[in-house]
Structures are given as C-alpha cells and as structure tokens.
Protein backbone atom coordinates (compact mmCIF):
# COMPACT_ATOMS: atom_id res chain seq x y z
CA MET A 1 88.46 101.85 94.27
CA LYS A 2 89.85 98.44 95.26
CA ILE A 3 93.58 97.92 95.70
CA LEU A 4 95.58 94.69 95.70
CA VAL A 5 98.69 94.86 97.87
CA ALA A 6 101.01 92.09 96.72
CA GLY A 7 103.27 91.53 99.70
CA SER A 8 100.62 92.50 102.24
CA ASN A 9 102.18 90.45 105.03
CA GLY A 10 105.58 92.11 104.74
CA PHE A 11 106.91 95.00 106.75
CA ILE A 12 105.97 97.82 104.35
CA GLY A 13 102.89 96.00 103.04
CA SER A 14 101.28 95.58 106.46
CA PHE A 15 101.71 99.29 107.24
CA LEU A 16 100.34 100.20 103.81
CA CYS A 17 97.26 97.99 104.16
CA LYS A 18 96.38 99.50 107.53
CA SER A 19 96.83 103.04 106.25
CA LEU A 20 94.73 102.45 103.14
CA MET A 21 91.90 100.86 105.14
CA LYS A 22 92.05 103.68 107.65
CA ASP A 23 91.34 106.01 104.70
CA GLY A 24 88.28 103.92 103.82
CA ILE A 25 89.84 102.23 100.77
CA SER A 26 88.95 98.63 99.98
CA VAL A 27 92.08 96.48 100.19
CA ARG A 28 92.85 92.91 99.21
CA GLY A 29 96.09 91.28 100.22
CA PHE A 30 98.25 88.71 98.47
CA ASP A 31 101.23 86.97 100.05
CA SER A 32 102.73 83.60 100.86
CA GLN A 33 101.15 84.00 104.30
CA CYS A 34 98.26 86.23 105.35
CA ASN A 35 98.34 88.65 108.25
CA GLN A 36 95.36 87.89 110.45
CA GLY A 37 96.03 91.02 112.48
CA GLN A 38 94.76 93.43 109.83
CA PRO A 39 91.67 95.41 110.92
CA GLY A 40 88.19 95.16 109.41
CA SER A 41 87.10 92.79 106.68
CA PHE A 42 90.56 92.30 105.23
CA GLU A 43 90.54 89.84 102.34
CA CYS A 44 93.76 88.01 101.58
CA PHE A 45 94.84 85.45 98.97
CA THR A 46 97.65 83.11 99.90
CA GLY A 47 100.03 81.82 97.28
CA ASP A 48 103.18 82.14 95.21
CA ILE A 49 103.49 85.13 92.88
CA ARG A 50 104.93 82.79 90.24
CA HIS A 51 101.74 80.67 90.14
CA ARG A 52 99.37 82.04 87.55
CA ASP A 53 96.13 80.45 88.76
CA ILE A 54 96.15 82.01 92.23
CA VAL A 55 97.45 85.37 90.99
CA SER A 56 94.64 85.52 88.41
CA LYS A 57 92.12 85.08 91.20
CA ALA A 58 93.81 87.69 93.37
CA VAL A 59 93.67 90.43 90.71
CA LYS A 60 90.02 89.85 89.81
CA SER A 61 87.89 93.02 90.24
CA ILE A 62 90.93 95.07 91.26
CA ASP A 63 91.54 98.68 90.18
CA VAL A 64 95.12 99.22 91.36
CA VAL A 65 97.97 96.83 92.13
CA VAL A 66 100.80 97.74 94.51
CA HIS A 67 103.60 95.21 94.06
CA LEU A 68 105.94 94.74 97.04
CA ILE A 69 106.82 91.05 96.80
CA ALA A 70 110.55 90.44 96.41
CA MET A 71 113.36 88.10 97.25
CA HIS A 72 115.73 90.46 99.06
CA HIS A 73 117.76 88.86 101.87
CA ASP A 74 121.52 89.16 101.57
CA PHE A 75 122.36 85.62 102.66
CA GLY A 76 121.50 82.12 101.50
CA ILE A 77 119.79 83.09 98.22
CA SER A 78 121.10 82.07 94.81
CA GLU A 79 121.23 84.47 91.88
CA SER A 80 118.62 82.41 90.02
CA GLU A 81 116.20 82.70 92.96
CA TYR A 82 116.43 86.49 92.89
CA PHE A 83 115.51 86.59 89.20
CA ASP A 84 112.91 83.86 89.49
CA VAL A 85 110.87 85.79 92.06
CA ASN A 86 111.74 89.41 91.32
CA GLU A 87 111.72 89.36 87.52
CA LYS A 88 109.60 86.36 86.53
CA GLY A 89 107.18 86.86 89.41
CA THR A 90 106.62 90.45 88.31
CA GLN A 91 106.07 89.30 84.73
CA ASN A 92 103.46 86.78 85.89
CA LEU A 93 101.66 89.42 87.95
CA LEU A 94 101.59 91.84 85.01
CA THR A 95 100.29 89.16 82.65
CA CYS A 96 97.41 88.56 85.04
CA CYS A 97 96.83 92.33 85.32
CA SER A 98 96.57 92.53 81.51
CA GLU A 99 93.99 89.76 81.45
CA ALA A 100 92.00 91.50 84.20
CA GLY A 101 92.11 94.86 82.40
CA ILE A 102 94.05 96.58 85.21
CA LYS A 103 95.77 99.79 84.14
CA LYS A 104 97.18 101.17 87.41
CA PHE A 105 100.33 99.60 88.81
CA ILE A 106 102.77 100.72 91.53
CA PHE A 107 106.02 98.78 91.65
CA PHE A 108 108.40 98.86 94.60
CA SER A 109 111.91 98.61 93.23
CA SER A 110 115.03 99.61 95.20
CA VAL A 111 117.96 102.02 95.18
CA ALA A 112 120.01 98.83 94.78
CA VAL A 113 119.50 99.29 91.03
CA TYR A 114 122.07 102.14 91.18
CA GLY A 115 124.82 99.97 92.60
CA THR A 116 127.71 101.63 94.42
CA GLN A 117 127.92 105.29 93.40
CA THR A 118 130.51 107.91 94.28
CA LYS A 119 127.97 110.74 94.06
CA PRO A 120 124.40 111.09 95.40
CA THR A 121 121.83 109.46 93.13
CA ASN A 122 118.60 110.86 91.79
CA GLU A 123 116.10 109.48 89.30
CA ASN A 124 118.32 110.56 86.40
CA THR A 125 121.28 108.51 87.63
CA THR A 126 122.03 105.62 85.26
CA PRO A 127 121.38 102.31 87.05
CA ASN A 128 124.47 100.16 87.48
CA PRO A 129 123.61 97.34 89.92
CA ASP A 130 126.47 95.39 91.46
CA THR A 131 124.51 92.73 93.37
CA PRO A 132 122.17 89.95 92.19
CA TYR A 133 119.35 91.62 94.12
CA GLY A 134 119.90 94.99 92.44
CA SER A 135 120.22 93.36 89.02
CA SER A 136 117.00 91.40 89.50
CA LYS A 137 115.09 94.51 90.57
CA LEU A 138 116.34 96.39 87.52
CA ALA A 139 115.27 93.44 85.35
CA ALA A 140 111.83 93.66 86.96
CA GLU A 141 111.69 97.41 86.22
CA LYS A 142 112.36 96.64 82.57
CA VAL A 143 109.48 94.15 82.58
CA VAL A 144 107.22 96.89 83.98
CA MET A 145 108.40 99.32 81.30
CA GLN A 146 107.67 96.81 78.55
CA TRP A 147 104.17 96.38 80.00
CA PHE A 148 103.67 100.13 79.74
CA LYS A 149 104.94 100.24 76.14
CA ALA A 150 102.32 97.64 75.20
CA ASP A 151 99.60 100.10 76.30
CA PRO A 152 100.64 103.74 76.91
CA THR A 153 97.28 104.49 78.56
CA ARG A 154 98.46 102.52 81.58
CA GLN A 155 99.35 104.44 84.74
CA ILE A 156 102.58 103.28 86.41
CA VAL A 157 104.71 104.45 89.32
CA ILE A 158 108.06 102.88 90.20
CA ILE A 159 109.32 103.66 93.71
CA ARG A 160 112.97 103.12 94.61
CA PRO A 161 113.21 103.26 98.43
CA THR A 162 116.45 103.25 100.33
CA VAL A 163 116.85 101.24 103.58
CA VAL A 164 113.42 101.27 105.26
CA PHE A 165 113.07 101.04 109.03
CA GLY A 166 110.44 101.31 111.73
CA PRO A 167 108.63 99.34 114.43
CA LYS A 168 108.15 95.62 113.73
CA ASN A 169 111.09 95.48 111.35
CA TYR A 170 114.00 93.16 112.14
CA ALA A 171 116.42 94.03 109.35
CA ASN A 172 119.53 96.24 109.11
CA VAL A 173 118.51 99.18 111.29
CA TYR A 174 117.11 96.82 113.94
CA ASN A 175 120.45 94.99 114.03
CA LEU A 176 122.26 98.31 114.44
CA ILE A 177 119.94 99.36 117.28
CA ASN A 178 120.44 95.99 118.94
CA GLN A 179 124.23 96.29 118.77
CA VAL A 180 124.26 99.84 120.11
CA CYS A 181 121.83 99.06 122.94
CA ASN A 182 123.77 95.94 123.93
CA ARG A 183 127.03 97.91 123.76
CA LYS A 184 128.48 95.62 121.12
CA PHE A 185 128.82 98.26 118.42
CA PHE A 186 132.16 99.75 117.40
CA PHE A 187 132.88 102.36 114.77
CA VAL A 188 134.76 101.31 111.67
CA SER A 189 136.63 104.39 110.38
CA ASP A 190 135.13 107.72 111.43
CA GLY A 191 131.46 107.11 110.52
CA SER A 192 131.33 110.11 108.19
CA ASN A 193 129.68 108.24 105.30
CA ILE A 194 126.08 109.16 104.44
CA LYS A 195 123.52 106.36 104.95
CA SER A 196 120.17 107.32 103.42
CA VAL A 197 117.21 105.80 105.26
CA ALA A 198 113.41 105.94 105.07
CA TYR A 199 110.95 105.73 107.95
CA VAL A 200 108.19 103.29 107.05
CA GLU A 201 105.19 105.53 107.83
CA ASN A 202 106.64 108.28 105.63
CA LEU A 203 107.20 105.84 102.77
CA VAL A 204 103.60 104.66 103.07
CA GLU A 205 102.39 108.28 103.01
CA ALA A 206 104.49 108.88 99.91
CA THR A 207 103.00 105.81 98.24
CA ILE A 208 99.44 106.97 98.89
CA PHE A 209 100.38 110.50 97.76
CA LEU A 210 101.61 109.12 94.41
CA LEU A 211 98.65 106.74 94.13
CA GLN A 212 96.23 109.65 94.33
CA ARG A 213 98.05 111.47 91.53
CA MET A 214 98.47 108.67 89.02
CA LYS A 215 97.97 109.51 85.36
CA PRO A 216 98.78 107.85 82.02
CA GLY A 217 102.52 107.36 81.77
CA ILE A 218 105.34 105.93 83.84
CA GLU A 219 107.10 107.83 86.64
CA ILE A 220 110.10 106.83 88.74
CA TYR A 221 110.70 108.17 92.25
CA ASN A 222 113.48 107.64 94.75
CA TYR A 223 112.43 107.71 98.37
CA SER A 224 114.59 108.66 101.35
CA ASP A 225 113.98 110.91 104.33
CA GLU A 226 115.70 114.18 105.14
CA PRO A 227 117.99 115.30 106.56
CA GLN A 228 120.50 112.84 105.21
CA MET A 229 122.48 111.39 108.12
CA THR A 230 125.96 109.96 108.50
CA THR A 231 126.60 106.63 110.20
CA LYS A 232 127.93 108.54 113.20
CA GLN A 233 124.79 110.68 113.43
CA ILE A 234 122.53 107.64 113.21
CA VAL A 235 124.45 105.89 116.00
CA GLU A 236 124.33 109.07 118.12
CA THR A 237 120.55 109.28 117.61
CA ILE A 238 120.08 105.65 118.64
CA ALA A 239 122.25 106.10 121.74
CA HIS A 240 120.32 109.26 122.67
CA TYR A 241 116.87 107.64 122.52
CA ALA A 242 118.03 104.37 124.08
CA LYS A 243 119.80 106.30 126.85
CA VAL A 244 123.01 104.31 126.44
CA PRO A 245 126.60 105.60 126.19
CA LEU A 246 127.82 106.53 122.75
CA PRO A 247 130.22 103.84 121.47
CA LYS A 248 133.82 105.03 121.63
CA ILE A 249 135.79 102.15 120.14
CA ARG A 250 137.05 102.86 116.63
CA ILE A 251 138.71 100.26 114.42
CA PRO A 252 140.50 101.01 111.14
CA PHE A 253 138.60 99.79 108.10
CA SER A 254 141.39 97.48 106.90
CA ILE A 255 141.57 95.66 110.24
CA ALA A 256 137.79 95.33 110.53
CA LEU A 257 137.52 94.04 106.97
CA ALA A 258 140.23 91.43 107.57
CA PHE A 259 138.42 90.30 110.72
CA GLY A 260 135.05 90.18 108.94
CA SER A 261 136.49 88.20 106.05
CA ILE A 262 137.10 85.32 108.44
CA PHE A 263 133.34 85.11 108.97
CA ASP A 264 132.76 85.27 105.20
CA ILE A 265 134.78 82.06 104.93
CA LEU A 266 133.04 80.45 107.91
CA ALA A 267 129.63 81.38 106.46
CA LYS A 268 130.45 79.59 103.21
CA LEU A 269 131.72 76.52 105.07
CA THR A 270 128.91 76.27 107.63
CA GLY A 271 125.94 77.95 105.94
CA TYR A 272 125.45 80.03 109.10
CA ASN A 273 124.35 83.66 108.75
CA PHE A 274 126.84 85.54 110.92
CA PRO A 275 125.73 89.06 111.98
CA VAL A 276 129.18 90.47 111.16
CA THR A 277 130.88 89.65 107.86
CA GLY A 278 133.38 91.35 105.62
CA ASN A 279 130.66 92.06 103.09
CA ARG A 280 128.42 93.71 105.69
CA ILE A 281 131.29 95.78 107.07
CA ARG A 282 132.09 96.95 103.55
CA LYS A 283 128.45 97.90 102.90
CA PHE A 284 128.11 99.64 106.26
CA CYS A 285 131.16 101.80 105.59
CA THR A 286 130.18 102.72 102.03
CA ALA A 287 128.27 105.95 101.41
CA THR A 288 124.72 105.26 100.19
CA HIS A 289 123.39 108.73 99.46
CA HIS A 290 120.09 108.68 97.55
CA LYS A 291 118.18 111.92 97.05
CA ALA A 292 114.40 112.13 96.79
CA ASP A 293 113.98 115.70 95.56
CA LYS A 294 111.54 114.71 92.82
CA ILE A 295 108.70 113.71 95.13
CA ARG A 296 109.36 116.70 97.36
CA SER A 297 109.13 119.00 94.36
CA SER A 298 105.59 117.62 93.95
CA ASP A 299 104.77 119.14 97.38
CA PHE A 300 104.96 115.89 99.34
CA ARG A 301 105.87 116.49 102.97
CA PRO A 302 106.20 113.50 105.32
CA SER A 303 104.40 113.84 108.64
CA VAL A 304 107.08 112.19 110.79
CA SER A 305 110.53 113.73 111.18
CA LEU A 306 113.45 111.36 110.74
CA ASP A 307 114.46 111.99 114.35
CA GLU A 308 110.97 111.10 115.56
CA GLY A 309 110.98 108.00 113.35
CA PHE A 310 114.11 106.78 115.13
CA GLY A 311 112.52 107.62 118.47
CA ARG A 312 109.39 105.57 117.70
CA THR A 313 111.45 102.65 116.46
CA ILE A 314 113.74 102.59 119.47
CA ASN A 315 110.81 102.89 121.90
CA TRP A 316 109.25 99.85 120.20
CA TYR A 317 112.57 98.00 120.41
CA LEU A 318 112.89 98.75 124.13
CA GLU A 319 109.30 97.67 124.78
CA GLN A 320 109.89 94.39 122.96
CA ARG A 321 113.07 93.77 124.91
CA ALA A 322 111.32 94.47 128.21
CA GLU A 323 108.56 91.98 127.37
CA ASN A 324 111.06 89.27 126.50
C-alpha cells in the first residue's frame, strides 16, 4: 500500500508521515514545501494543490490519499482565499484521484463546521459554520460527498478534529503556554468553559486506526481527547508542568472584550497580527465542547493521556526556550 499525504510538511502531516513510515508503509508527500527531515527514502512533490498538472503526478500509483492541506489562519486571509484552497483545491485533488483510479480518501475537516454551539457536538450535530474557515471546510466536505455519490464503491473517512496541539506546533495552545510561562496570562471570567483539544500523536493514531478499517461508504468522525477540560484546568496543567505560579488575575469578560476591541481596530488599520484581540478573547471564553464517542465506540484507545500530552508539549517548549 502506498499513501499520499497532502500537507506532509504541516504539523499533523509530518507526524503522520513519520508514524506511517515507522509502520513500514510507503509514503509520498505533497506540499508547498517539502520536509527534508523525514526519515528513510521519503518522496515528496512540491506544488500548489490547485494546480492540476503537479497534483496528477503526485497521485500517480497511489492507493490512499490523506488530505490535510488547508487555508486555516485566523488573520490576514480573505474569504475567497479560504474557499479557493479549501473547496476548489479539494475538488482538484479529487478530480486527479478519479483519473488515477484512487478509491480510498481520508479528508481532514474541522469542528469549525459546527460553528458556535450551546451544547456538546457529535457527528449527528447539524453543521452551522459561523466563520469563513468553517464554511469553506463544510463546502469541501460537500465536494467529498459528491465524489462518493459518483461512485459508491469508494471508501471515504472525514475527520473533524478540534484544536490540535503538541511539540513543534506554534498555534493556539503554544501561545497559551507562552503566556502562562511568561506570566502574562490573566483569566477572563472564571475559566469554567470547556475547551476540547486533541494531542497530535493521538490524532495520528486515530487516523491510522480508521485507515486500517476503511470500507465502501463514507464515515464522519469527530476527534477530541478525554477527559474534556475547562480553560481553568488547562491553565492549571500548564502551570504545573512548567513549574510556574498559577495566574491569579481575573478580568470581567466585558472589560476584557472592550480592551481587546481596541486591538481589533488597530489590526485593521495597521495589518499587524496582535496576539490579543477582541475576537480571540471571545473565542477563548466560548465553550467549544466536541465529543468523539463514535471512534471510541469502535474500540479506539489513544496511547497518550491528555495530561501526558500537555507534559510532553511543555517539556518541548521549555527545551526550545532554553536553546534560544
């Protein structure tokens, strides 16, 4: 079996490639840049997912495609760019898969397709995206579903991960760790809102678990780790592993939001990506509770506890800081 990992140079993709190759699976990468640090005889195609010629070459002689490429940053991206890469790029990749006779496809979507929900989501929750990113990922899911309808013998898995964290990732959880460790973090409200997260090695294990069980049809799976943690519990875990005092300053939500809104205005005027904005404060204080009972009911058990995942990530962070 030979697998194409589209997005092989990304955070999740690089972990996935290494894990697959460790299991003796032949892997080919595709990304805008190639990771030269992959072990063994790693083959990688460099290009844009929207360009048909290079994608056609990348899928040649491939048995399974895992599609991770996405436009996903929350600053400086237009709505059209989200749809151009996430929807149209997926369509281009699937067209090339059809021409190559590929029938197995794993698509990484996002819990962003659910939008803001007042209750925990599961795979039966009706998607209601409220961001351009979430809308573009849902549009891409629909493209995948149309591809399945054209040939019901195809084998498709759609994975909707929540916020993914781990070593070598510099996104939301990294920023939170950095703020707590540098004693710049303050609580907004009481921190009682659930923030579902996923440790990267567990998500990769889940992906391989589902890959090995693919069959004709289309299946959708949320992915988050248990136990679900509140913002306060996550901050307490970070402070524990980093051996720093637990932040004690608490600011009412209305005051913090008013303060952050100033940076929303400045960001629009200057084009600068401020670490604290009203939008990010609002997101941080909103419950994002996404359940992944479906994959667990299939007997999947992650090998790394959520607590240990935070420990590994913070140890990496501290090592990086010591080196710099």
